[in-house]
Amino acid sequence: MLSTFVSAQNQCAYCADSHGFSFRVQGGSQEALEAVMACH
């Protein structure tokens, strides 16, 4: 979750995507992912 959020903050599409994928595989919800990716 942290890795995805920080990568979104830093506008790193590669890291936000790969760690967002890992977040989902680790049990993170789609709603939480969308919020983290949008920094909401």
PDB file of all heavy atoms in Angstrom:
ATOM      1  N   MET A   1       0.839  -1.203   0.000  1.00  0.00           N
ATOM      2  CA  MET A   1       0.000   0.000   0.000  1.00  0.00           C
ATOM      3  C   MET A   1       0.874   1.254   0.000  1.00  0.00           C
ATOM      4  O   MET A   1       0.652   2.191  -0.791  1.00  0.00           O
ATOM      5  CB  MET A   1      -0.930  -0.004   1.220  1.00  0.00           C
ATOM      6  CG  MET A   1      -1.766   1.257   1.369  1.00  0.00           C
ATOM      7  SD  MET A   1      -2.831   1.230   2.851  1.00  0.00           S
ATOM      8  CE  MET A   1      -4.305   0.478   2.152  1.00  0.00           C
ATOM      9  N   LEU A   2       1.880   1.264   0.862  1.00  0.00           N
ATOM     10  CA  LEU A   2       2.809   2.395   0.918  1.00  0.00           C
ATOM     11  C   LEU A   2       3.563   2.564  -0.391  1.00  0.00           C
ATOM     12  O   LEU A   2       3.696   3.680  -0.918  1.00  0.00           O
ATOM     13  CB  LEU A   2       3.810   2.198   2.058  1.00  0.00           C
ATOM     14  CG  LEU A   2       3.363   2.544   3.468  1.00  0.00           C
ATOM     15  CD1 LEU A   2       4.345   1.986   4.486  1.00  0.00           C
ATOM     16  CD2 LEU A   2       3.239   4.069   3.634  1.00  0.00           C
ATOM     17  N   SER A   3       4.064   1.449  -0.928  1.00  0.00           N
ATOM     18  CA  SER A   3       4.854   1.500  -2.162  1.00  0.00           C
ATOM     19  C   SER A   3       4.027   2.056  -3.317  1.00  0.00           C
ATOM     20  O   SER A   3       4.515   2.869  -4.118  1.00  0.00           O
ATOM     21  CB  SER A   3       5.362   0.101  -2.522  1.00  0.00           C
ATOM     22  OG  SER A   3       6.135  -0.449  -1.475  1.00  0.00           O
ATOM     23  N   THR A   4       2.780   1.627  -3.396  1.00  0.00           N
ATOM     24  CA  THR A   4       1.895   2.098  -4.458  1.00  0.00           C
ATOM     25  C   THR A   4       1.586   3.576  -4.285  1.00  0.00           C
ATOM     26  O   THR A   4       1.629   4.355  -5.248  1.00  0.00           O
ATOM     27  CB  THR A   4       0.587   1.284  -4.460  1.00  0.00           C
ATOM     28  OG1 THR A   4       0.893  -0.103  -4.562  1.00  0.00           O
ATOM     29  CG2 THR A   4      -0.310   1.698  -5.611  1.00  0.00           C
ATOM     30  N   PHE A   5       1.290   3.970  -3.059  1.00  0.00           N
ATOM     31  CA  PHE A   5       0.947   5.366  -2.782  1.00  0.00           C
ATOM     32  C   PHE A   5       2.115   6.297  -3.085  1.00  0.00           C
ATOM     33  O   PHE A   5       1.949   7.326  -3.762  1.00  0.00           O
ATOM     34  CB  PHE A   5       0.536   5.499  -1.315  1.00  0.00           C
ATOM     35  CG  PHE A   5       0.218   6.901  -0.893  1.00  0.00           C
ATOM     36  CD1 PHE A   5      -0.956   7.514  -1.291  1.00  0.00           C
ATOM     37  CD2 PHE A   5       1.098   7.617  -0.079  1.00  0.00           C
ATOM     38  CE1 PHE A   5      -1.260   8.822  -0.896  1.00  0.00           C
ATOM     39  CE2 PHE A   5       0.807   8.912   0.316  1.00  0.00           C
ATOM     40  CZ  PHE A   5      -0.376   9.518  -0.094  1.00  0.00           C
ATOM     41  N   VAL A   6       3.297   5.957  -2.602  1.00  0.00           N
ATOM     42  CA  VAL A   6       4.472   6.800  -2.832  1.00  0.00           C
ATOM     43  C   VAL A   6       4.783   6.873  -4.326  1.00  0.00           C
ATOM     44  O   VAL A   6       5.111   7.939  -4.859  1.00  0.00           O
ATOM     45  CB  VAL A   6       5.683   6.277  -2.036  1.00  0.00           C
ATOM     46  CG1 VAL A   6       6.958   7.029  -2.417  1.00  0.00           C
ATOM     47  CG2 VAL A   6       5.425   6.402  -0.540  1.00  0.00           C
ATOM     48  N   SER A   7       4.651   5.745  -5.028  1.00  0.00           N
ATOM     49  CA  SER A   7       4.913   5.725  -6.473  1.00  0.00           C
ATOM     50  C   SER A   7       3.906   6.589  -7.225  1.00  0.00           C
ATOM     51  O   SER A   7       4.257   7.264  -8.200  1.00  0.00           O
ATOM     52  CB  SER A   7       4.885   4.289  -6.991  1.00  0.00           C
ATOM     53  OG  SER A   7       5.901   3.510  -6.384  1.00  0.00           O
ATOM     54  N   ALA A   8       2.645   6.578  -6.767  1.00  0.00           N
ATOM     55  CA  ALA A   8       1.645   7.450  -7.382  1.00  0.00           C
ATOM     56  C   ALA A   8       1.985   8.911  -7.115  1.00  0.00           C
ATOM     57  O   ALA A   8       1.861   9.761  -8.008  1.00  0.00           O
ATOM     58  CB  ALA A   8       0.255   7.112  -6.850  1.00  0.00           C
ATOM     59  N   GLN A   9       2.422   9.207  -5.892  1.00  0.00           N
ATOM     60  CA  GLN A   9       2.838  10.569  -5.559  1.00  0.00           C
ATOM     61  C   GLN A   9       3.984  11.032  -6.458  1.00  0.00           C
ATOM     62  O   GLN A   9       4.021  12.181  -6.893  1.00  0.00           O
ATOM     63  CB  GLN A   9       3.301  10.620  -4.100  1.00  0.00           C
ATOM     64  CG  GLN A   9       2.201  10.550  -3.071  1.00  0.00           C
ATOM     65  CD  GLN A   9       1.682  11.923  -2.707  1.00  0.00           C
ATOM     66  OE1 GLN A   9       2.423  12.755  -2.193  1.00  0.00           O
ATOM     67  NE2 GLN A   9       0.420  12.169  -2.993  1.00  0.00           N
ATOM     68  N   ASN A  10       4.898  10.111  -6.748  1.00  0.00           N
ATOM     69  CA  ASN A  10       6.074  10.442  -7.557  1.00  0.00           C
ATOM     70  C   ASN A  10       5.848  10.248  -9.053  1.00  0.00           C
ATOM     71  O   ASN A  10       6.789  10.361  -9.838  1.00  0.00           O
ATOM     72  CB  ASN A  10       7.269   9.586  -7.108  1.00  0.00           C
ATOM     73  CG  ASN A  10       7.792  10.001  -5.752  1.00  0.00           C
ATOM     74  OD1 ASN A  10       7.761  11.167  -5.392  1.00  0.00           O
ATOM     75  ND2 ASN A  10       8.272   9.029  -4.982  1.00  0.00           N
ATOM     76  N   GLN A  11       4.595   9.943  -9.431  1.00  0.00           N
ATOM     77  CA  GLN A  11       4.205   9.779 -10.835  1.00  0.00           C
ATOM     78  C   GLN A  11       5.075   8.738 -11.545  1.00  0.00           C
ATOM     79  O   GLN A  11       5.565   8.967 -12.646  1.00  0.00           O
ATOM     80  CB  GLN A  11       4.265  11.132 -11.563  1.00  0.00           C
ATOM     81  CG  GLN A  11       3.334  12.171 -10.968  1.00  0.00           C
ATOM     82  CD  GLN A  11       3.368  13.491 -11.717  1.00  0.00           C
ATOM     83  OE1 GLN A  11       3.181  13.534 -12.929  1.00  0.00           O
ATOM     84  NE2 GLN A  11       3.630  14.571 -11.001  1.00  0.00           N
ATOM     85  N   CYS A  12       5.256   7.612 -10.880  1.00  0.00           N
ATOM     86  CA  CYS A  12       6.013   6.503 -11.452  1.00  0.00           C
ATOM     87  C   CYS A  12       5.025   5.412 -11.844  1.00  0.00           C
ATOM     88  O   CYS A  12       4.602   4.604 -11.009  1.00  0.00           O
ATOM     89  CB  CYS A  12       7.042   5.975 -10.459  1.00  0.00           C
ATOM     90  SG  CYS A  12       8.005   4.592 -11.113  1.00  0.00           S
ATOM     91  N   ALA A  13       4.652   5.376 -13.110  1.00  0.00           N
ATOM     92  CA  ALA A  13       3.633   4.437 -13.581  1.00  0.00           C
ATOM     93  C   ALA A  13       4.090   2.987 -13.423  1.00  0.00           C
ATOM     94  O   ALA A  13       3.284   2.108 -13.079  1.00  0.00           O
ATOM     95  CB  ALA A  13       3.291   4.735 -15.036  1.00  0.00           C
ATOM     96  N   TYR A  14       5.360   2.716 -13.682  1.00  0.00           N
ATOM     97  CA  TYR A  14       5.886   1.346 -13.584  1.00  0.00           C
ATOM     98  C   TYR A  14       5.728   0.811 -12.160  1.00  0.00           C
ATOM     99  O   TYR A  14       5.195  -0.282 -11.949  1.00  0.00           O
ATOM    100  CB  TYR A  14       7.358   1.343 -14.004  1.00  0.00           C
ATOM    101  CG  TYR A  14       8.073   0.015 -13.832  1.00  0.00           C
ATOM    102  CD1 TYR A  14       8.200  -0.870 -14.889  1.00  0.00           C
ATOM    103  CD2 TYR A  14       8.644  -0.338 -12.605  1.00  0.00           C
ATOM    104  CE1 TYR A  14       8.863  -2.084 -14.734  1.00  0.00           C
ATOM    105  CE2 TYR A  14       9.301  -1.553 -12.438  1.00  0.00           C
ATOM    106  CZ  TYR A  14       9.403  -2.416 -13.508  1.00  0.00           C
ATOM    107  OH  TYR A  14      10.059  -3.613 -13.337  1.00  0.00           O
ATOM    108  N   CYS A  15       6.200   1.571 -11.169  1.00  0.00           N
ATOM    109  CA  CYS A  15       6.162   1.100  -9.781  1.00  0.00           C
ATOM    110  C   CYS A  15       4.742   1.104  -9.218  1.00  0.00           C
ATOM    111  O   CYS A  15       4.369   0.196  -8.463  1.00  0.00           O
ATOM    112  CB  CYS A  15       7.078   1.935  -8.898  1.00  0.00           C
ATOM    113  SG  CYS A  15       8.840   1.718  -9.246  1.00  0.00           S
ATOM    114  N   ALA A  16       3.954   2.119  -9.563  1.00  0.00           N
ATOM    115  CA  ALA A  16       2.575   2.163  -9.061  1.00  0.00           C
ATOM    116  C   ALA A  16       1.791   0.964  -9.572  1.00  0.00           C
ATOM    117  O   ALA A  16       1.013   0.345  -8.829  1.00  0.00           O
ATOM    118  CB  ALA A  16       1.908   3.468  -9.482  1.00  0.00           C
ATOM    119  N   ASP A  17       2.001   0.597 -10.828  1.00  0.00           N
ATOM    120  CA  ASP A  17       1.312  -0.558 -11.399  1.00  0.00           C
ATOM    121  C   ASP A  17       1.788  -1.860 -10.757  1.00  0.00           C
ATOM    122  O   ASP A  17       0.974  -2.679 -10.319  1.00  0.00           O
ATOM    123  CB  ASP A  17       1.548  -0.604 -12.907  1.00  0.00           C
ATOM    124  CG  ASP A  17       1.027  -1.878 -13.541  1.00  0.00           C
ATOM    125  OD1 ASP A  17      -0.200  -2.010 -13.673  1.00  0.00           O
ATOM    126  OD2 ASP A  17       1.846  -2.741 -13.909  1.00  0.00           O
ATOM    127  N   SER A  18       3.100  -2.064 -10.679  1.00  0.00           N
ATOM    128  CA  SER A  18       3.609  -3.350 -10.177  1.00  0.00           C
ATOM    129  C   SER A  18       3.296  -3.542  -8.702  1.00  0.00           C
ATOM    130  O   SER A  18       2.911  -4.642  -8.270  1.00  0.00           O
ATOM    131  CB  SER A  18       5.114  -3.480 -10.432  1.00  0.00           C
ATOM    132  OG  SER A  18       5.844  -2.487  -9.752  1.00  0.00           O
ATOM    133  N   HIS A  19       3.379  -2.473  -7.917  1.00  0.00           N
ATOM    134  CA  HIS A  19       3.094  -2.619  -6.488  1.00  0.00           C
ATOM    135  C   HIS A  19       1.597  -2.538  -6.200  1.00  0.00           C
ATOM    136  O   HIS A  19       1.136  -3.097  -5.198  1.00  0.00           O
ATOM    137  CB  HIS A  19       3.925  -1.620  -5.678  1.00  0.00           C
ATOM    138  CG  HIS A  19       5.369  -1.979  -5.697  1.00  0.00           C
ATOM    139  ND1 HIS A  19       5.911  -2.920  -4.849  1.00  0.00           N
ATOM    140  CD2 HIS A  19       6.378  -1.576  -6.514  1.00  0.00           C
ATOM    141  CE1 HIS A  19       7.201  -3.073  -5.123  1.00  0.00           C
ATOM    142  NE2 HIS A  19       7.501  -2.274  -6.130  1.00  0.00           N
ATOM    143  N   GLY A  20       0.854  -1.880  -7.077  1.00  0.00           N
ATOM    144  CA  GLY A  20      -0.601  -1.969  -6.980  1.00  0.00           C
ATOM    145  C   GLY A  20      -1.064  -3.399  -7.224  1.00  0.00           C
ATOM    146  O   GLY A  20      -1.957  -3.912  -6.533  1.00  0.00           O
ATOM    147  N   PHE A  21      -0.451  -4.063  -8.193  1.00  0.00           N
ATOM    148  CA  PHE A  21      -0.714  -5.485  -8.458  1.00  0.00           C
ATOM    149  C   PHE A  21      -0.400  -6.313  -7.213  1.00  0.00           C
ATOM    150  O   PHE A  21      -1.204  -7.154  -6.787  1.00  0.00           O
ATOM    151  CB  PHE A  21       0.147  -5.914  -9.649  1.00  0.00           C
ATOM    152  CG  PHE A  21       0.208  -7.395  -9.882  1.00  0.00           C
ATOM    153  CD1 PHE A  21      -0.845  -8.070 -10.481  1.00  0.00           C
ATOM    154  CD2 PHE A  21       1.330  -8.114  -9.526  1.00  0.00           C
ATOM    155  CE1 PHE A  21      -0.783  -9.441 -10.709  1.00  0.00           C
ATOM    156  CE2 PHE A  21       1.411  -9.482  -9.751  1.00  0.00           C
ATOM    157  CZ  PHE A  21       0.351 -10.156 -10.345  1.00  0.00           C
ATOM    158  N   SER A  22       0.761  -6.072  -6.619  1.00  0.00           N
ATOM    159  CA  SER A  22       1.135  -6.823  -5.410  1.00  0.00           C
ATOM    160  C   SER A  22       0.170  -6.547  -4.262  1.00  0.00           C
ATOM    161  O   SER A  22      -0.178  -7.453  -3.496  1.00  0.00           O
ATOM    162  CB  SER A  22       2.562  -6.471  -4.994  1.00  0.00           C
ATOM    163  OG  SER A  22       3.501  -6.924  -5.945  1.00  0.00           O
ATOM    164  N   PHE A  23      -0.273  -5.298  -4.131  1.00  0.00           N
ATOM    165  CA  PHE A  23      -1.245  -4.941  -3.091  1.00  0.00           C
ATOM    166  C   PHE A  23      -2.524  -5.756  -3.238  1.00  0.00           C
ATOM    167  O   PHE A  23      -3.063  -6.281  -2.256  1.00  0.00           O
ATOM    168  CB  PHE A  23      -1.539  -3.439  -3.157  1.00  0.00           C
ATOM    169  CG  PHE A  23      -2.622  -2.973  -2.220  1.00  0.00           C
ATOM    170  CD1 PHE A  23      -2.435  -3.012  -0.847  1.00  0.00           C
ATOM    171  CD2 PHE A  23      -3.823  -2.490  -2.712  1.00  0.00           C
ATOM    172  CE1 PHE A  23      -3.440  -2.582   0.018  1.00  0.00           C
ATOM    173  CE2 PHE A  23      -4.817  -2.057  -1.859  1.00  0.00           C
ATOM    174  CZ  PHE A  23      -4.624  -2.108  -0.489  1.00  0.00           C
ATOM    175  N   ARG A  24      -2.992  -5.898  -4.475  1.00  0.00           N
ATOM    176  CA  ARG A  24      -4.215  -6.672  -4.706  1.00  0.00           C
ATOM    177  C   ARG A  24      -3.983  -8.148  -4.404  1.00  0.00           C
ATOM    178  O   ARG A  24      -4.823  -8.802  -3.780  1.00  0.00           O
ATOM    179  CB  ARG A  24      -4.690  -6.486  -6.152  1.00  0.00           C
ATOM    180  CG  ARG A  24      -5.210  -5.091  -6.451  1.00  0.00           C
ATOM    181  CD  ARG A  24      -6.569  -4.839  -5.809  1.00  0.00           C
ATOM    182  NE  ARG A  24      -7.644  -5.417  -6.625  1.00  0.00           N
ATOM    183  CZ  ARG A  24      -8.600  -6.220  -6.160  1.00  0.00           C
ATOM    184  NH1 ARG A  24      -8.613  -6.581  -4.896  1.00  0.00           N
ATOM    185  NH2 ARG A  24      -9.539  -6.678  -6.966  1.00  0.00           N
ATOM    186  N   VAL A  25      -2.844  -8.678  -4.849  1.00  0.00           N
ATOM    187  CA  VAL A  25      -2.539 -10.088  -4.586  1.00  0.00           C
ATOM    188  C   VAL A  25      -2.427 -10.341  -3.085  1.00  0.00           C
ATOM    189  O   VAL A  25      -2.810 -11.409  -2.596  1.00  0.00           O
ATOM    190  CB  VAL A  25      -1.248 -10.515  -5.308  1.00  0.00           C
ATOM    191  CG1 VAL A  25      -0.826 -11.928  -4.905  1.00  0.00           C
ATOM    192  CG2 VAL A  25      -1.426 -10.442  -6.821  1.00  0.00           C
ATOM    193  N   GLN A  26      -1.945  -9.347  -2.327  1.00  0.00           N
ATOM    194  CA  GLN A  26      -1.804  -9.487  -0.887  1.00  0.00           C
ATOM    195  C   GLN A  26      -3.110  -9.243  -0.132  1.00  0.00           C
ATOM    196  O   GLN A  26      -3.120  -9.232   1.103  1.00  0.00           O
ATOM    197  CB  GLN A  26      -0.726  -8.519  -0.377  1.00  0.00           C
ATOM    198  CG  GLN A  26       0.682  -8.863  -0.814  1.00  0.00           C
ATOM    199  CD  GLN A  26       1.190 -10.151  -0.226  1.00  0.00           C
ATOM    200  OE1 GLN A  26       0.850 -10.501   0.906  1.00  0.00           O
ATOM    201  NE2 GLN A  26       2.007 -10.879  -0.978  1.00  0.00           N
ATOM    202  N   GLY A  27      -4.208  -9.057  -0.846  1.00  0.00           N
ATOM    203  CA  GLY A  27      -5.509  -8.948  -0.188  1.00  0.00           C
ATOM    204  C   GLY A  27      -6.093  -7.554  -0.119  1.00  0.00           C
ATOM    205  O   GLY A  27      -7.166  -7.364   0.461  1.00  0.00           O
ATOM    206  N   GLY A  28      -5.404  -6.568  -0.695  1.00  0.00           N
ATOM    207  CA  GLY A  28      -5.957  -5.217  -0.717  1.00  0.00           C
ATOM    208  C   GLY A  28      -7.184  -5.142  -1.618  1.00  0.00           C
ATOM    209  O   GLY A  28      -7.231  -5.782  -2.672  1.00  0.00           O
ATOM    210  N   SER A  29      -8.179  -4.361  -1.232  1.00  0.00           N
ATOM    211  CA  SER A  29      -9.416  -4.272  -2.005  1.00  0.00           C
ATOM    212  C   SER A  29      -9.238  -3.360  -3.219  1.00  0.00           C
ATOM    213  O   SER A  29      -8.346  -2.496  -3.258  1.00  0.00           O
ATOM    214  CB  SER A  29     -10.552  -3.728  -1.134  1.00  0.00           C
ATOM    215  OG  SER A  29     -10.345  -2.353  -0.843  1.00  0.00           O
ATOM    216  N   GLN A  30     -10.107  -3.541  -4.200  1.00  0.00           N
ATOM    217  CA  GLN A  30     -10.090  -2.686  -5.383  1.00  0.00           C
ATOM    218  C   GLN A  30     -10.379  -1.241  -4.988  1.00  0.00           C
ATOM    219  O   GLN A  30      -9.769  -0.305  -5.525  1.00  0.00           O
ATOM    220  CB  GLN A  30     -11.124  -3.166  -6.406  1.00  0.00           C
ATOM    221  CG  GLN A  30     -11.216  -2.322  -7.671  1.00  0.00           C
ATOM    222  CD  GLN A  30      -9.939  -2.331  -8.486  1.00  0.00           C
ATOM    223  OE1 GLN A  30      -9.192  -3.305  -8.472  1.00  0.00           O
ATOM    224  NE2 GLN A  30      -9.684  -1.233  -9.199  1.00  0.00           N
ATOM    225  N   GLU A  31     -11.298  -1.044  -4.029  1.00  0.00           N
ATOM    226  CA  GLU A  31     -11.637   0.315  -3.590  1.00  0.00           C
ATOM    227  C   GLU A  31     -10.449   0.996  -2.922  1.00  0.00           C
ATOM    228  O   GLU A  31     -10.176   2.177  -3.170  1.00  0.00           O
ATOM    229  CB  GLU A  31     -12.830   0.268  -2.634  1.00  0.00           C
ATOM    230  CG  GLU A  31     -14.137  -0.196  -3.255  1.00  0.00           C
ATOM    231  CD  GLU A  31     -14.208  -1.708  -3.478  1.00  0.00           C
ATOM    232  OE1 GLU A  31     -13.372  -2.446  -2.909  1.00  0.00           O
ATOM    233  OE2 GLU A  31     -15.095  -2.146  -4.231  1.00  0.00           O
ATOM    234  N   ALA A  32      -9.719   0.242  -2.088  1.00  0.00           N
ATOM    235  CA  ALA A  32      -8.542   0.809  -1.432  1.00  0.00           C
ATOM    236  C   ALA A  32      -7.466   1.123  -2.458  1.00  0.00           C
ATOM    237  O   ALA A  32      -6.791   2.161  -2.379  1.00  0.00           O
ATOM    238  CB  ALA A  32      -8.005  -0.153  -0.372  1.00  0.00           C
ATOM    239  N   LEU A  33      -7.287   0.238  -3.433  1.00  0.00           N
ATOM    240  CA  LEU A  33      -6.290   0.482  -4.475  1.00  0.00           C
ATOM    241  C   LEU A  33      -6.606   1.756  -5.249  1.00  0.00           C
ATOM    242  O   LEU A  33      -5.716   2.589  -5.487  1.00  0.00           O
ATOM    243  CB  LEU A  33      -6.233  -0.699  -5.438  1.00  0.00           C
ATOM    244  CG  LEU A  33      -5.329  -0.495  -6.658  1.00  0.00           C
ATOM    245  CD1 LEU A  33      -3.872  -0.363  -6.228  1.00  0.00           C
ATOM    246  CD2 LEU A  33      -5.487  -1.624  -7.657  1.00  0.00           C
ATOM    247  N   GLU A  34      -7.867   1.916  -5.625  1.00  0.00           N
ATOM    248  CA  GLU A  34      -8.248   3.116  -6.373  1.00  0.00           C
ATOM    249  C   GLU A  34      -7.981   4.378  -5.562  1.00  0.00           C
ATOM    250  O   GLU A  34      -7.499   5.384  -6.099  1.00  0.00           O
ATOM    251  CB  GLU A  34      -9.720   3.029  -6.765  1.00  0.00           C
ATOM    252  CG  GLU A  34     -10.001   1.975  -7.826  1.00  0.00           C
ATOM    253  CD  GLU A  34     -11.483   1.772  -8.087  1.00  0.00           C
ATOM    254  OE1 GLU A  34     -12.304   2.446  -7.404  1.00  0.00           O
ATOM    255  OE2 GLU A  34     -11.825   0.946  -8.962  1.00  0.00           O
ATOM    256  N   ALA A  35      -8.262   4.324  -4.263  1.00  0.00           N
ATOM    257  CA  ALA A  35      -8.017   5.481  -3.405  1.00  0.00           C
ATOM    258  C   ALA A  35      -6.525   5.776  -3.296  1.00  0.00           C
ATOM    259  O   ALA A  35      -6.096   6.937  -3.374  1.00  0.00           O
ATOM    260  CB  ALA A  35      -8.606   5.233  -2.019  1.00  0.00           C
ATOM    261  N   VAL A  36      -5.720   4.727  -3.144  1.00  0.00           N
ATOM    262  CA  VAL A  36      -4.275   4.897  -3.013  1.00  0.00           C
ATOM    263  C   VAL A  36      -3.679   5.435  -4.316  1.00  0.00           C
ATOM    264  O   VAL A  36      -2.851   6.350  -4.306  1.00  0.00           O
ATOM    265  CB  VAL A  36      -3.622   3.550  -2.617  1.00  0.00           C
ATOM    266  CG1 VAL A  36      -2.110   3.613  -2.774  1.00  0.00           C
ATOM    267  CG2 VAL A  36      -3.979   3.200  -1.172  1.00  0.00           C
ATOM    268  N   MET A  37      -4.106   4.874  -5.442  1.00  0.00           N
ATOM    269  CA  MET A  37      -3.575   5.325  -6.737  1.00  0.00           C
ATOM    270  C   MET A  37      -3.950   6.787  -7.017  1.00  0.00           C
ATOM    271  O   MET A  37      -3.190   7.527  -7.646  1.00  0.00           O
ATOM    272  CB  MET A  37      -4.107   4.425  -7.847  1.00  0.00           C
ATOM    273  CG  MET A  37      -3.593   3.001  -7.802  1.00  0.00           C
ATOM    274  SD  MET A  37      -1.907   2.815  -8.419  1.00  0.00           S
ATOM    275  CE  MET A  37      -2.211   2.611 -10.166  1.00  0.00           C
ATOM    276  N   ALA A  38      -5.132   7.183  -6.533  1.00  0.00           N
ATOM    277  CA  ALA A  38      -5.570   8.565  -6.726  1.00  0.00           C
ATOM    278  C   ALA A  38      -5.080   9.488  -5.605  1.00  0.00           C
ATOM    279  O   ALA A  38      -5.343  10.690  -5.642  1.00  0.00           O
ATOM    280  CB  ALA A  38      -7.102   8.619  -6.790  1.00  0.00           C
ATOM    281  N   CYS A  39      -4.372   8.911  -4.615  1.00  0.00           N
ATOM    282  CA  CYS A  39      -3.893   9.661  -3.438  1.00  0.00           C
ATOM    283  C   CYS A  39      -5.063  10.332  -2.717  1.00  0.00           C
ATOM    284  O   CYS A  39      -4.943  11.456  -2.219  1.00  0.00           O
ATOM    285  CB  CYS A  39      -2.822  10.688  -3.832  1.00  0.00           C
ATOM    286  SG  CYS A  39      -1.403   9.951  -4.666  1.00  0.00           S
ATOM    287  N   HIS A  40      -6.183   9.612  -2.679  1.00  0.00           N
ATOM    288  CA  HIS A  40      -7.420  10.111  -2.054  1.00  0.00           C
ATOM    289  C   HIS A  40      -7.560   9.453  -0.680  1.00  0.00           C
ATOM    290  O   HIS A  40      -8.194   8.403  -0.530  1.00  0.00           O
ATOM    291  CB  HIS A  40      -8.621   9.802  -2.938  1.00  0.00           C
ATOM    292  CG  HIS A  40      -9.932  10.207  -2.362  1.00  0.00           C
ATOM    293  ND1 HIS A  40     -10.149  11.442  -1.754  1.00  0.00           N
ATOM    294  CD2 HIS A  40     -11.116   9.539  -2.280  1.00  0.00           C
ATOM    295  CE1 HIS A  40     -11.393  11.506  -1.338  1.00  0.00           C
ATOM    296  NE2 HIS A  40     -12.004  10.366  -1.628  1.00  0.00           N
TER     297      HIS A  40
END
